[in-house]
N, C-alpha and C. Protein backbone atom coordinates (compact mmCIF):
# COMPACT_ATOMS: atom_id res chain seq x y z
N PRO A 1 125.21 80.80 94.93
CA PRO A 1 126.70 80.69 95.92
C PRO A 1 126.13 81.08 96.52
N PRO A 2 126.37 80.88 97.59
CA PRO A 2 126.92 81.21 99.57
C PRO A 2 127.40 82.32 99.06
N GLY A 3 126.33 83.29 99.61
CA GLY A 3 126.98 84.92 100.18
C GLY A 3 125.89 86.24 99.76
N THR A 4 126.08 85.16 98.48
CA THR A 4 124.79 86.34 97.24
C THR A 4 123.21 86.14 98.00
N MET A 5 122.42 87.87 97.40
CA MET A 5 121.48 88.18 97.44
C MET A 5 120.27 87.51 96.80
N VAL A 6 119.43 86.95 97.33
CA VAL A 6 118.49 86.94 95.68
C VAL A 6 116.88 87.44 96.21
N ASN A 7 116.17 88.24 95.71
CA ASN A 7 115.11 88.76 95.08
C ASN A 7 114.08 87.63 94.62
N PHE A 8 112.89 88.19 96.10
CA PHE A 8 111.59 86.58 95.45
C PHE A 8 109.98 87.92 95.15
N LEU A 9 109.65 87.63 94.19
CA LEU A 9 108.14 88.89 94.19
C LEU A 9 107.25 87.47 94.76
N ARG A 10 106.56 87.89 95.18
CA ARG A 10 105.11 87.46 95.26
C ARG A 10 104.28 88.04 94.91
N SER A 11 102.98 87.39 94.08
CA SER A 11 101.70 87.41 93.57
C SER A 11 100.47 86.99 94.14
N PHE A 12 99.48 87.69 94.17
CA PHE A 12 98.05 87.71 94.80
C PHE A 12 97.29 87.89 93.56
N ARG A 13 96.35 86.91 93.73
CA ARG A 13 94.57 87.99 93.47
C ARG A 13 94.02 88.68 94.30
N VAL A 14 93.72 90.01 93.63
CA VAL A 14 92.86 90.60 94.63
C VAL A 14 91.05 90.16 93.94
N VAL A 15 90.42 90.54 94.50
CA VAL A 15 88.77 90.58 93.76
C VAL A 15 87.69 91.39 95.01
N LEU A 16 87.67 93.07 94.30
CA LEU A 16 87.19 94.07 94.50
C LEU A 16 85.30 93.94 93.64
N SER A 17 84.90 94.27 94.82
CA SER A 17 83.56 94.72 94.34
C SER A 17 83.35 96.09 95.12
N ARG A 18 81.85 97.34 94.27
CA ARG A 18 81.70 98.09 95.17
C ARG A 18 80.08 98.17 94.56
N PRO A 19 78.92 98.68 95.30
CA PRO A 19 78.12 99.07 95.36
C PRO A 19 77.44 99.14 93.91
N TYR A 20 78.27 100.31 93.38
CA TYR A 20 77.57 101.76 92.05
C TYR A 20 79.42 101.95 92.11
N VAL A 21 79.34 103.01 91.06
CA VAL A 21 80.55 103.05 90.76
C VAL A 21 81.19 103.92 90.42
N GLN A 22 80.26 105.20 91.33
CA GLN A 22 80.87 106.49 91.69
C GLN A 22 81.49 105.75 93.27
N VAL A 23 81.39 105.06 94.01
CA VAL A 23 82.44 104.68 94.76
C VAL A 23 83.47 104.33 94.45
N PRO A 24 84.53 105.17 95.37
CA PRO A 24 86.25 104.43 95.07
C PRO A 24 86.40 102.97 95.42
N TRP A 25 87.75 101.96 94.72
CA TRP A 25 88.00 101.72 94.97
C TRP A 25 88.66 101.62 96.43
N GLY A 26 89.83 103.08 96.76
CA GLY A 26 89.87 102.61 98.10
C GLY A 26 91.96 103.06 98.04
N TYR A 27 92.39 103.16 96.85
CA TYR A 27 93.72 103.01 96.37
C TYR A 27 93.96 104.72 96.47
N GLU A 28 95.31 104.69 96.16
CA GLU A 28 95.93 106.14 96.16
C GLU A 28 97.21 105.36 95.36
N TRP A 29 97.72 106.01 94.35
CA TRP A 29 98.97 105.43 93.34
C TRP A 29 99.45 106.19 94.09
N ASN A 30 101.10 106.04 93.69
CA ASN A 30 101.85 107.10 94.04
C ASN A 30 102.20 107.64 92.59
N ASP A 31 102.03 108.86 92.89
CA ASP A 31 102.35 108.95 91.63
C ASP A 31 103.32 109.99 90.92
N GLU A 32 104.84 109.58 92.58
CA GLU A 32 105.94 110.21 91.31
C GLU A 32 106.67 109.26 90.82
N PHE A 33 106.68 107.49 91.61
CA PHE A 33 106.86 106.44 91.65
C PHE A 33 106.24 106.44 89.71
N PHE A 34 105.41 106.28 90.10
CA PHE A 34 104.09 106.18 88.07
C PHE A 34 105.41 107.62 87.75
N ALA A 35 105.14 108.28 87.64
CA ALA A 35 106.33 109.41 86.64
C ALA A 35 107.24 108.98 86.46
N ASP A 36 107.92 108.39 87.45
CA ASP A 36 109.29 107.94 86.66
C ASP A 36 109.80 106.51 86.20
N THR A 37 108.92 105.88 86.42
CA THR A 37 108.57 104.76 86.36
C THR A 37 107.51 103.38 85.29
N GLY A 38 106.37 104.98 85.17
CA GLY A 38 105.14 104.19 84.25
C GLY A 38 104.52 103.06 85.08
N ALA A 39 105.38 102.96 86.55
CA ALA A 39 104.74 101.48 86.88
C ALA A 39 103.41 101.61 88.16
N ARG A 40 102.26 101.18 88.84
CA ARG A 40 101.16 101.72 89.22
C ARG A 40 101.52 100.93 90.92
N VAL A 41 102.33 101.64 91.81
CA VAL A 41 102.41 101.59 93.25
C VAL A 41 101.17 102.52 94.16
N VAL A 42 100.98 100.66 94.78
CA VAL A 42 100.11 101.90 96.37
C VAL A 42 100.44 102.72 96.83
N ARG A 43 100.86 104.19 97.23
CA ARG A 43 101.03 104.61 98.26
C ARG A 43 100.07 104.80 99.79
N GLN A 44 98.73 104.55 99.07
CA GLN A 44 97.83 104.97 100.48
C GLN A 44 96.67 104.18 100.56
N ILE A 45 96.01 103.67 101.06
CA ILE A 45 95.14 103.12 101.16
C ILE A 45 93.25 103.81 101.96
N GLN A 46 92.54 103.97 101.36
CA GLN A 46 91.27 104.83 101.73
C GLN A 46 90.98 103.83 103.12
N PRO A 47 90.26 104.30 104.14
CA PRO A 47 89.69 103.55 105.20
C PRO A 47 88.29 103.31 104.73
N LEU A 48 87.41 102.13 105.01
CA LEU A 48 86.11 101.59 104.84
C LEU A 48 86.04 101.72 103.27
N SER A 49 86.69 101.29 102.33
CA SER A 49 87.18 101.78 100.86
C SER A 49 86.96 100.25 100.65
N PRO A 50 86.42 100.21 99.33
CA PRO A 50 86.24 97.86 99.09
C PRO A 50 87.68 97.29 99.44
N LEU A 51 88.59 97.98 99.38
CA LEU A 51 90.21 98.02 99.65
C LEU A 51 90.75 97.00 100.82
N ASP A 52 89.98 98.42 101.83
CA ASP A 52 90.44 98.48 103.38
C ASP A 52 89.46 97.36 103.49
N ARG A 53 88.26 97.23 103.02
CA ARG A 53 87.23 95.35 103.84
C ARG A 53 87.75 94.29 102.81
N TRP A 54 89.04 94.55 101.70
CA TRP A 54 89.61 93.13 101.37
C TRP A 54 90.81 92.84 102.75
N ASN A 55 90.91 94.12 103.00
CA ASN A 55 92.12 93.77 103.96
C ASN A 55 91.53 93.42 105.54
N VAL A 56 90.39 93.93 105.76
CA VAL A 56 90.18 93.69 106.81
C VAL A 56 89.57 91.87 106.94
N TRP A 57 89.35 91.44 105.71
CA TRP A 57 88.54 90.41 105.66
C TRP A 57 89.37 89.22 105.41
N GLN A 58 91.25 89.83 104.84
CA GLN A 58 91.84 88.46 105.38
C GLN A 58 92.40 88.45 106.46
N HIS A 59 92.74 89.60 107.11
CA HIS A 59 93.12 89.75 108.41
C HIS A 59 92.00 88.48 109.58
N VAL A 60 90.94 88.47 109.49
CA VAL A 60 89.98 88.16 109.93
C VAL A 60 90.43 85.94 109.55
N THR A 61 90.45 86.47 108.25
CA THR A 61 90.19 84.80 107.70
C THR A 61 91.74 83.88 107.96
N GLY A 62 92.72 85.05 108.38
CA GLY A 62 94.21 84.56 108.89
C GLY A 62 95.02 84.79 108.25
N ARG A 63 95.12 85.38 106.90
CA ARG A 63 95.34 85.93 105.81
C ARG A 63 95.89 86.81 105.76
N PRO A 64 97.00 87.43 106.82
CA PRO A 64 96.92 88.95 106.93
C PRO A 64 98.14 89.36 105.40
N ASP A 65 98.96 88.00 105.07
CA ASP A 65 99.87 87.95 104.01
C ASP A 65 99.31 88.34 102.91
N LEU A 66 97.96 87.78 102.63
CA LEU A 66 96.65 88.31 101.44
C LEU A 66 96.54 90.37 101.21
N CYS A 67 97.44 90.64 102.20
CA CYS A 67 96.44 92.22 101.96
C CYS A 67 97.25 93.30 101.38
N VAL A 68 97.00 94.26 100.73
CA VAL A 68 97.52 94.91 99.95
C VAL A 68 98.05 96.05 101.40
N LYS A 69 98.93 95.93 100.86
CA LYS A 69 99.54 97.03 101.26
C LYS A 69 100.95 98.12 101.14
N PRO A 70 100.85 99.65 101.37
CA PRO A 70 101.40 100.64 100.56
C PRO A 70 102.80 100.07 100.23
N GLY A 71 103.60 100.39 99.11
CA GLY A 71 104.31 100.20 98.45
C GLY A 71 104.77 98.69 97.35
N ASP A 72 102.89 98.22 97.50
CA ASP A 72 102.67 97.29 96.41
C ASP A 72 102.19 97.39 95.00
N ARG A 73 102.88 96.47 94.12
CA ARG A 73 102.60 97.12 93.05
C ARG A 73 101.35 96.69 92.57
N LEU A 74 101.08 96.90 91.50
CA LEU A 74 99.99 96.06 90.58
C LEU A 74 100.56 95.54 89.96
N MET A 75 100.10 94.71 89.18
CA MET A 75 100.59 93.70 87.94
C MET A 75 99.99 93.29 86.79
N LYS A 76 98.85 93.26 87.21
CA LYS A 76 97.66 93.40 86.07
C LYS A 76 96.05 93.69 86.47
N ALA A 77 95.40 94.54 85.85
CA ALA A 77 93.75 95.04 86.09
C ALA A 77 93.46 94.63 85.22
N ASP A 78 91.79 93.71 85.20
CA ASP A 78 90.79 93.15 84.08
C ASP A 78 92.13 92.72 82.97
N GLY A 79 92.55 91.76 83.73
CA GLY A 79 93.03 90.65 82.92
C GLY A 79 94.38 91.27 81.61
N ARG A 80 94.41 92.67 81.81
CA ARG A 80 95.44 93.60 80.91
C ARG A 80 96.81 93.07 81.94
N TRP A 81 97.83 93.45 80.93
CA TRP A 81 98.83 94.22 82.38
C TRP A 81 99.25 96.00 82.27
N ALA A 82 99.74 96.10 83.66
CA ALA A 82 99.16 97.75 84.34
C ALA A 82 100.07 97.86 83.30
N PHE A 83 101.68 97.31 82.60
CA PHE A 83 102.75 98.27 82.07
C PHE A 83 103.02 97.76 81.21
């Protein structure tokens, strides 16, 4: 109906690779949000990490809407639901 608010969720797939397992993926979770809800929400992205490189590539290819940003929520990892 007119005047009502509608919320939309947008999801997309992020594929990361790293040279060896000791290299961190580059995200930090919002620990407080996880403690309250159990959801994995991005708090910060580490510079020069695989996730940062993903974001740079999305900008270079003209797809900044596919960048991972603080506040984004993890839905699945390795084919498993994250919650």
